[in-house]
Protein backbone atom coordinates (compact mmCIF):
# COMPACT_ATOMS: atom_id res chain seq x y z
CA MET A 1 45.08 134.43 77.99
CA LYS A 2 47.78 136.90 77.02
CA ARG A 3 46.86 139.08 74.05
CA LYS A 4 49.72 140.24 71.83
CA LEU A 5 50.09 143.82 70.71
CA THR A 6 49.34 144.74 67.14
CA PRO A 7 52.29 146.26 65.26
CA LYS A 8 50.62 149.69 65.55
CA GLN A 9 50.11 149.29 69.32
CA GLN A 10 53.72 148.20 69.77
CA ARG A 11 54.98 151.23 67.79
CA PHE A 12 52.75 153.42 69.99
CA ALA A 13 54.14 151.85 73.18
CA ASP A 14 57.75 152.13 72.01
CA GLU A 15 57.27 155.79 71.02
CA TYR A 16 55.50 156.51 74.32
CA ILE A 17 58.46 155.03 76.23
CA LYS A 18 60.79 157.37 74.33
CA SER A 19 58.78 160.58 74.71
CA GLY A 20 56.26 160.10 77.51
CA ASN A 21 53.72 161.91 75.31
CA ALA A 22 50.69 159.76 74.34
CA ALA A 23 49.41 162.03 71.52
CA ASP A 24 52.86 162.33 69.93
CA ALA A 25 53.41 158.57 70.26
CA ALA A 26 50.05 157.90 68.59
CA ARG A 27 50.93 160.21 65.67
CA LYS A 28 54.31 158.52 65.19
CA ALA A 29 52.67 155.09 65.37
CA GLY A 30 50.37 155.98 62.47
CA TYR A 31 47.14 157.11 64.13
CA LYS A 32 45.33 159.95 62.39
CA GLU A 33 46.33 163.47 63.42
CA ASN A 34 42.79 164.48 64.49
CA THR A 35 42.31 161.37 66.68
CA ALA A 36 45.86 160.94 68.00
CA ARG A 37 45.16 162.50 71.40
CA VAL A 38 42.13 160.29 72.08
CA ALA A 39 43.80 157.17 70.64
CA GLY A 40 46.88 157.77 72.78
CA ALA A 41 44.83 158.17 75.96
CA GLN A 42 42.78 155.05 75.15
CA ASN A 43 45.90 153.01 74.43
CA LEU A 44 47.28 153.87 77.86
CA THR A 45 44.18 152.35 79.47
CA LYS A 46 44.48 149.03 77.60
CA LEU A 47 45.97 146.43 79.93
CA ASN A 48 48.13 144.64 77.37
CA ILE A 49 49.72 147.94 76.23
CA LYS A 50 50.14 149.17 79.79
CA LYS A 51 51.73 145.85 80.80
CA TYR A 52 54.15 146.00 77.84
CA ILE A 53 55.15 149.58 78.71
CA ASP A 54 55.67 148.67 82.37
CA GLU A 55 57.80 145.63 81.47
CA GLN A 56 59.96 147.66 79.08
CA MET A 57 60.42 150.46 81.64
CA ALA A 58 61.41 147.93 84.32
CA GLU A 59 63.97 146.39 81.95
CA ILE A 60 65.41 149.80 81.12
CA ALA A 61 65.62 150.69 84.82
CA SER A 62 67.30 147.38 85.71
CA LYS A 63 70.00 147.97 83.09
CA ARG A 64 70.81 151.38 84.57
CA ILE A 65 70.97 150.30 88.20
CA MET A 66 73.93 148.30 89.45
CA ASP A 67 72.94 145.01 91.04
CA ALA A 68 74.68 143.39 94.01
CA ARG A 69 76.80 141.11 91.82
CA GLU A 70 78.13 144.04 89.79
CA ALA A 71 78.90 145.93 93.01
CA VAL A 72 80.90 143.03 94.45
CA GLU A 73 82.73 142.57 91.13
CA LEU A 74 83.70 146.27 91.14
CA LEU A 75 84.86 146.07 94.75
CA THR A 76 86.90 142.97 93.88
CA ARG A 77 88.61 144.73 90.95
CA ILE A 78 89.43 147.65 93.26
CA ALA A 79 90.76 145.36 96.01
CA ARG A 80 92.96 143.53 93.50
CA GLY A 81 94.27 146.76 92.01
CA GLU A 82 92.74 145.96 88.62
CA GLU A 83 90.47 149.02 88.54
CA LYS A 84 92.36 152.14 87.51
CA GLU A 85 91.51 155.75 88.10
CA THR A 86 92.50 158.68 85.94
CA VAL A 87 94.92 161.13 87.50
CA ILE A 88 95.51 164.57 86.02
CA SER A 89 98.84 166.19 86.86
CA SER A 90 100.19 169.54 85.86
CA THR A 91 103.82 170.41 85.32
CA PRO A 92 105.52 173.44 83.80
CA GLU A 93 105.73 171.43 80.55
CA GLY A 94 101.98 170.74 80.39
CA VAL A 95 99.06 168.75 81.74
CA TYR A 96 99.31 164.97 81.78
CA GLU A 97 96.75 162.25 82.25
CA SER A 98 97.72 158.89 83.71
CA GLN A 99 96.09 155.80 85.19
CA LYS A 100 96.83 154.53 88.69
CA GLU A 101 95.71 151.74 90.97
CA ALA A 102 93.73 152.51 94.07
CA ASP A 103 95.84 153.32 97.12
CA LEU A 104 96.11 150.83 99.99
CA LYS A 105 93.46 152.57 102.08
CA THR A 106 90.91 152.32 99.27
CA ARG A 107 91.81 148.70 98.61
CA ILE A 108 91.42 147.82 102.30
CA SER A 109 88.04 149.55 102.34
CA ALA A 110 86.97 147.53 99.28
CA VAL A 111 88.04 144.29 101.00
CA LYS A 112 86.07 145.26 104.11
CA GLU A 113 82.98 145.94 101.99
CA ILE A 114 83.31 142.59 100.26
CA LEU A 115 83.80 140.73 103.54
CA LYS A 116 80.67 142.35 105.03
CA ARG A 117 78.66 140.51 102.40
CA TYR A 118 80.07 137.09 103.30
CA PRO A 119 79.31 136.22 106.90
CA GLY A 120 81.59 133.56 108.25
CA ASP A 121 84.69 133.15 110.34
CA ASP A 122 85.13 136.55 111.97
CA LYS A 123 88.58 135.60 113.28
CA LEU A 124 89.82 135.00 109.73
CA VAL A 125 88.28 138.24 108.50
CA LYS A 126 89.81 140.24 111.35
CA ALA A 127 93.19 138.59 110.75
CA GLN A 128 93.07 139.50 107.05
CA ILE A 129 92.14 143.09 107.84
CA SER A 130 94.87 143.30 110.49
CA LYS A 131 97.44 142.02 107.99
CA ALA A 132 96.38 144.59 105.40
CA GLU A 133 96.54 147.37 107.98
CA ALA A 134 99.99 146.15 109.10
CA ASP A 135 101.14 146.32 105.46
CA VAL A 136 100.00 149.95 105.37
CA ARG A 137 101.90 150.70 108.58
CA ILE A 138 105.07 149.06 107.24
CA ALA A 139 104.85 151.08 104.03
CA THR A 140 104.33 154.22 106.10
CA ALA A 141 107.34 153.43 108.30
CA LYS A 142 109.49 152.94 105.19
CA ALA A 143 108.23 156.25 103.84
CA ARG A 144 109.16 157.98 107.09
CA ILE A 145 112.68 156.52 106.87
CA VAL A 146 113.09 157.84 103.32
CA GLU A 147 111.73 161.20 104.43
CA HIS A 148 114.20 161.30 107.35
CA GLN A 149 117.12 160.38 105.09
CA ALA A 150 116.08 163.10 102.65
CA ASP A 151 115.93 165.64 105.47
CA GLU A 152 119.46 164.66 106.55
CA LEU A 153 120.82 164.93 103.02
CA GLU A 154 119.02 168.21 102.45
CA GLY A 155 120.61 169.58 105.62
CA ALA A 156 124.02 168.53 104.27
CA GLY A 157 123.25 170.23 100.93
CA ARG A 158 123.42 166.93 99.00
CA ILE A 159 119.79 166.32 98.06
CA ASN A 160 118.94 165.72 94.42
CA PRO A 161 115.59 166.19 92.63
CA LEU A 162 114.78 162.46 92.60
CA LEU A 163 115.27 162.10 96.33
CA SER A 164 113.25 165.26 96.85
CA ALA A 165 110.38 163.74 94.86
CA LEU A 166 110.63 160.52 96.89
CA ALA A 167 110.47 162.52 100.10
CA LYS A 168 107.35 164.33 98.92
CA GLY A 169 105.77 160.98 98.08
CA ALA A 170 106.70 159.70 101.50
CA GLN A 171 105.12 162.74 103.12
CA ARG A 172 101.92 162.08 101.17
CA LEU A 173 101.89 158.43 102.27
CA VAL A 174 102.41 159.42 105.91
CA SER A 175 99.57 161.90 105.60
CA GLU A 176 97.27 159.23 104.11
CA GLU A 177 98.18 156.83 106.92
CA GLU A 178 97.35 159.45 109.52
CA LYS A 179 93.97 160.10 107.86
CA TYR A 180 93.36 156.35 107.68
CA ASP A 181 94.19 155.93 111.37
CA ALA A 182 91.86 158.81 112.27
CA ASN A 183 89.01 157.28 110.24
CA THR A 184 89.62 153.81 111.67
CA ASP A 185 89.57 155.18 115.21
CA ARG A 186 86.18 156.82 114.53
CA GLU A 187 84.73 153.55 113.09
CA ASP A 188 85.75 151.53 116.17
C-alpha cells in the first residue's frame, strides 16, 4: 500500500531537491530549528519520501536530456533547412547578426544520421546519399565557373565589387567541398 506524504514531508522533499541540504530543507518545511538536522536525516531514510525524491529527480533529469525522438526531429529540421544558425559578421560599418540555413554538407550529414536509425533498403539510401553528394558537386562546379570568370574579368581590369564577392563565396564553397571530400574519403 502506497502511503502519501504529509504536506510537511512534501515541502521537505521539494526543498531538499532544490538545495540538497536535509537540515535546511527541514527548517524551510517547518521543522523546529533545534531538531531540523535530525528530522532531515530521518526523513531521508523514510521510503515514501525517498521514493518521491527519486521520482522527482528522474523527471527533472528526463526533461534536461534529449530523447531519441527529439534528436531525430532536430536532425530532420536541419536536413530540411528549417533550423537556422546565428552568424556574426563584421564590416567596417559595424557588426551584424543574421540567420542562415545549414550548408549542404551539414544537411547531408543530418540525412545520413537519420537514415542510420531506419534500417531498410540500403540501395535506396545509397542512391539518396549519392544524389545529395552529386548536388554538392554540381554546386561546386558552378562556383568554380564563377570563380574562373571572375579571375578572367579581374585580369582584364573589369571586375566589380559584386562579382568579387561572388568569387569569394565560390572559393569558400570549393573549399567546403574539398573538406567534405576529404572527410568522406576517411569514412569509407
